[in-house]
C-alpha atoms as a PDB file:
ATOM      1  CA  MET A   1     -82.338  14.607  -0.753  1.00  0.00           C
ATOM      2  CA  ALA A   2     -80.568  18.532  -0.725  1.00  0.00           C
ATOM      3  CA  VAL A   3     -77.079  18.382  -2.432  1.00  0.00           C
ATOM      4  CA  LEU A   4     -74.944  21.650  -0.951  1.00  0.00           C
ATOM      5  CA  HIS A   5     -72.229  22.903  -3.078  1.00  0.00           C
ATOM      6  CA  ARG A   6     -70.316  25.988  -2.562  1.00  0.00           C
ATOM      7  CA  ALA A   7     -69.036  28.656  -4.965  1.00  0.00           C
ATOM      8  CA  MET A   8     -66.414  31.522  -4.077  1.00  0.00           C
ATOM      9  CA  ALA A   9     -68.908  34.781  -3.458  1.00  0.00           C
ATOM     10  CA  GLY A  10     -66.186  37.358  -3.464  1.00  0.00           C
ATOM     11  CA  GLU A  11     -63.547  38.165  -0.972  1.00  0.00           C
ATOM     12  CA  ASP A  12     -63.945  39.885   2.702  1.00  0.00           C
ATOM     13  CA  VAL A  13     -61.832  43.010   3.965  1.00  0.00           C
ATOM     14  CA  MET A  14     -58.502  41.032   4.240  1.00  0.00           C
ATOM     15  CA  GLY A  15     -58.357  39.172   0.828  1.00  0.00           C
ATOM     16  CA  GLU A  16     -59.774  35.892   2.295  1.00  0.00           C
ATOM     17  CA  PRO A  17     -62.417  34.153   0.028  1.00  0.00           C
ATOM     18  CA  VAL A  18     -66.057  34.192   1.208  1.00  0.00           C
ATOM     19  CA  TRP A  19     -68.309  31.315   0.277  1.00  0.00           C
ATOM     20  CA  GLU A  20     -71.399  30.851  -0.525  1.00  0.00           C
ATOM     21  CA  TRP A  21     -73.451  27.236  -0.175  1.00  0.00           C
ATOM     22  CA  SER A  22     -76.440  26.585  -3.137  1.00  0.00           C
ATOM     23  CA  GLN A  23     -78.888  23.762  -3.042  1.00  0.00           C
ATOM     24  CA  THR A  24     -79.897  21.150  -6.029  1.00  0.00           C
ATOM     25  CA  LEU A  25     -83.013  18.708  -4.683  1.00  0.00           C
ATOM     26  CA  VAL A  26     -82.850  15.032  -5.696  1.00  0.00           C
ATOM     27  CA  GLY A  27     -85.616  13.105  -5.704  1.00  0.00           C
ATOM     28  CA  GLY A  28     -85.432   9.012  -6.379  1.00  0.00           C
ATOM     29  CA  ALA A  29     -82.175   8.562  -3.997  1.00  0.00           C
ATOM     30  CA  LEU A  30     -81.884   5.548  -2.402  1.00  0.00           C
ATOM     31  CA  VAL A  31     -80.395   6.077   1.152  1.00  0.00           C
ATOM     32  CA  ARG A  32     -78.872   2.959   3.600  1.00  0.00           C
ATOM     33  CA  PRO A  33     -77.656   3.617   7.049  1.00  0.00           C
ATOM     34  CA  LEU A  34     -74.890   1.651   7.461  1.00  0.00           C
ATOM     35  CA  PHE A  35     -74.924  -0.509  11.070  1.00  0.00           C
ATOM     36  CA  GLY A  36     -72.253  -2.176  13.257  1.00  0.00           C
ATOM     37  CA  GLU A  37     -69.583  -4.096  11.554  1.00  0.00           C
ATOM     38  CA  GLU A  38     -69.998  -2.187   8.274  1.00  0.00           C
ATOM     39  CA  VAL A  39     -69.415   1.454  10.004  1.00  0.00           C
ATOM     40  CA  ALA A  40     -65.238   0.167  11.360  1.00  0.00           C
ATOM     41  CA  GLY A  41     -62.828   2.457  12.750  1.00  0.00           C
ATOM     42  CA  ALA A  42     -61.062   2.134   8.739  1.00  0.00           C
ATOM     43  CA  LEU A  43     -64.518   3.784   7.075  1.00  0.00           C
ATOM     44  CA  ARG A  44     -62.993   7.060   8.043  1.00  0.00           C
ATOM     45  CA  PRO A  45     -61.841   8.609   4.556  1.00  0.00           C
ATOM     46  CA  ASP A  46     -61.554  11.911   4.304  1.00  0.00           C
ATOM     47  CA  GLY A  47     -61.823  12.028   8.084  1.00  0.00           C
ATOM     48  CA  VAL A  48     -65.751  11.553   7.484  1.00  0.00           C
ATOM     49  CA  ARG A  49     -67.265   8.856   9.793  1.00  0.00           C
ATOM     50  CA  VAL A  50     -69.134   7.398   7.503  1.00  0.00           C
ATOM     51  CA  LEU A  51     -72.882   6.267   8.143  1.00  0.00           C
ATOM     52  CA  TYR A  52     -74.945   6.563   4.722  1.00  0.00           C
ATOM     53  CA  SER A  53     -74.267   4.291   1.176  1.00  0.00           C
ATOM     54  CA  ILE A  54     -76.579   6.755  -0.829  1.00  0.00           C
ATOM     55  CA  ALA A  55     -77.549   5.765  -4.801  1.00  0.00           C
ATOM     56  CA  LEU A  56     -78.389   9.006  -7.181  1.00  0.00           C
ATOM     57  CA  PRO A  57     -80.608   8.070 -10.129  1.00  0.00           C
ATOM     58  CA  LYS A  58     -79.141   8.511 -13.660  1.00  0.00           C
ATOM     59  CA  SER A  59     -81.324  11.840 -13.759  1.00  0.00           C
ATOM     60  CA  TYR A  60     -78.958  13.868 -11.517  1.00  0.00           C
ATOM     61  CA  ASP A  61     -77.041  16.340 -13.465  1.00  0.00           C
ATOM     62  CA  GLY A  62     -76.157  18.633 -10.854  1.00  0.00           C
ATOM     63  CA  PRO A  63     -72.657  19.658  -9.819  1.00  0.00           C
ATOM     64  CA  PRO A  64     -69.690  17.204  -8.779  1.00  0.00           C
ATOM     65  CA  LEU A  65     -70.007  15.614  -5.863  1.00  0.00           C
ATOM     66  CA  ALA A  66     -66.678  15.852  -4.462  1.00  0.00           C
ATOM     67  CA  GLY A  67     -66.720  18.476  -1.267  1.00  0.00           C
ATOM     68  CA  ALA A  68     -69.913  18.323  -1.661  1.00  0.00           C
ATOM     69  CA  ARG A  69     -72.702  18.220   0.978  1.00  0.00           C
ATOM     70  CA  ILE A  70     -75.979  15.944   1.709  1.00  0.00           C
ATOM     71  CA  ALA A  71     -79.009  16.719   3.544  1.00  0.00           C
ATOM     72  CA  LEU A  72     -81.370  14.477   3.808  1.00  0.00           C
ATOM     73  CA  VAL A  73     -84.723  16.554   4.185  1.00  0.00           C
ATOM     74  CA  ASP A  74     -87.403  13.067   4.879  1.00  0.00           C
ATOM     75  CA  ARG A  75     -85.382  12.622   7.632  1.00  0.00           C
ATOM     76  CA  GLY A  76     -85.299  16.170   9.032  1.00  0.00           C
ATOM     77  CA  MET A  77     -82.616  17.708   7.998  1.00  0.00           C
ATOM     78  CA  GLU A  78     -82.473  21.511   6.790  1.00  0.00           C
ATOM     79  CA  ALA A  79     -82.289  21.423   2.830  1.00  0.00           C
ATOM     80  CA  GLY A  80     -80.003  25.073   3.228  1.00  0.00           C
ATOM     81  CA  ASP A  81     -77.979  24.004   5.838  1.00  0.00           C
ATOM     82  CA  ALA A  82     -74.528  23.115   5.347  1.00  0.00           C
ATOM     83  CA  ALA A  83     -73.221  23.210   9.158  1.00  0.00           C
ATOM     84  CA  GLY A  84     -75.651  20.301   9.914  1.00  0.00           C
ATOM     85  CA  ALA A  85     -75.473  18.744   6.713  1.00  0.00           C
ATOM     86  CA  LEU A  86     -73.459  15.211   5.600  1.00  0.00           C
ATOM     87  CA  ARG A  87     -70.239  14.970   4.073  1.00  0.00           C
ATOM     88  CA  VAL A  88     -69.371  13.236   0.671  1.00  0.00           C
ATOM     89  CA  SER A  89     -66.919  10.354   1.184  1.00  0.00           C
ATOM     90  CA  GLY A  90     -63.868  11.426  -2.000  1.00  0.00           C
ATOM     91  CA  ALA A  91     -65.039  11.911  -5.359  1.00  0.00           C
ATOM     92  CA  PRO A  92     -68.269   9.846  -6.877  1.00  0.00           C
ATOM     93  CA  ASP A  93     -68.326   9.037 -10.171  1.00  0.00           C
ATOM     94  CA  ARG A  94     -71.467   7.445 -12.386  1.00  0.00           C
ATOM     95  CA  THR A  95     -71.247   3.474 -13.002  1.00  0.00           C
ATOM     96  CA  VAL A  96     -71.331   3.119 -17.021  1.00  0.00           C
ATOM     97  CA  PRO A  97     -72.935   0.834 -18.027  1.00  0.00           C
ATOM     98  CA  CYS A  98     -75.402   0.581 -15.051  1.00  0.00           C
ATOM     99  CA  PRO A  99     -78.459  -1.836 -15.493  1.00  0.00           C
ATOM    100  CA  THR A 100     -80.713   0.101 -13.071  1.00  0.00           C
ATOM    101  CA  ARG A 101     -82.016   3.198 -12.457  1.00  0.00           C
ATOM    102  CA  TRP A 102     -79.101   4.726  -9.972  1.00  0.00           C
ATOM    103  CA  ASP A 103     -75.737   4.864 -11.218  1.00  0.00           C
ATOM    104  CA  ILE A 104     -73.946   7.075  -9.035  1.00  0.00           C
ATOM    105  CA  VAL A 105     -73.248   5.282  -5.353  1.00  0.00           C
ATOM    106  CA  PHE A 106     -71.421   6.954  -2.848  1.00  0.00           C
ATOM    107  CA  GLU A 107     -71.144   7.082   1.060  1.00  0.00           C
ATOM    108  CA  ALA A 108     -71.699  10.293   3.457  1.00  0.00           C
ATOM    109  CA  GLY A 109     -71.259  11.050   6.966  1.00  0.00           C
ATOM    110  CA  ARG A 110     -70.603  13.162   9.789  1.00  0.00           C
ATOM    111  CA  VAL A 111     -66.971  14.720  10.825  1.00  0.00           C
ATOM    112  CA  ASP A 112     -66.578  14.660  14.616  1.00  0.00           C
ATOM    113  CA  GLY A 113     -63.284  16.371  15.692  1.00  0.00           C
END
């Protein structure tokens, strides 16, 4: 899986920010598709239609996940394609203490309109 995050790379001729996406590859993530009654109309926080619940291992030391995008490389998504990636919903945080290998759980999905 790839976590895509953006940073300002400068400004265009009109003074507007130009954003650049970079990626952090993460191994050992757990990805669980949500089905049926789990994906109700109420599950649209931040305008994201939630499709997956994802858990990251304790070893994750990448950038914050708020505002990030997720590419599920093993499911055919391109690691560097921010436009086709899933959007993280909300601002995930670590669970401490956590008895498992995964201490960050968040939801991700698509924005449709």
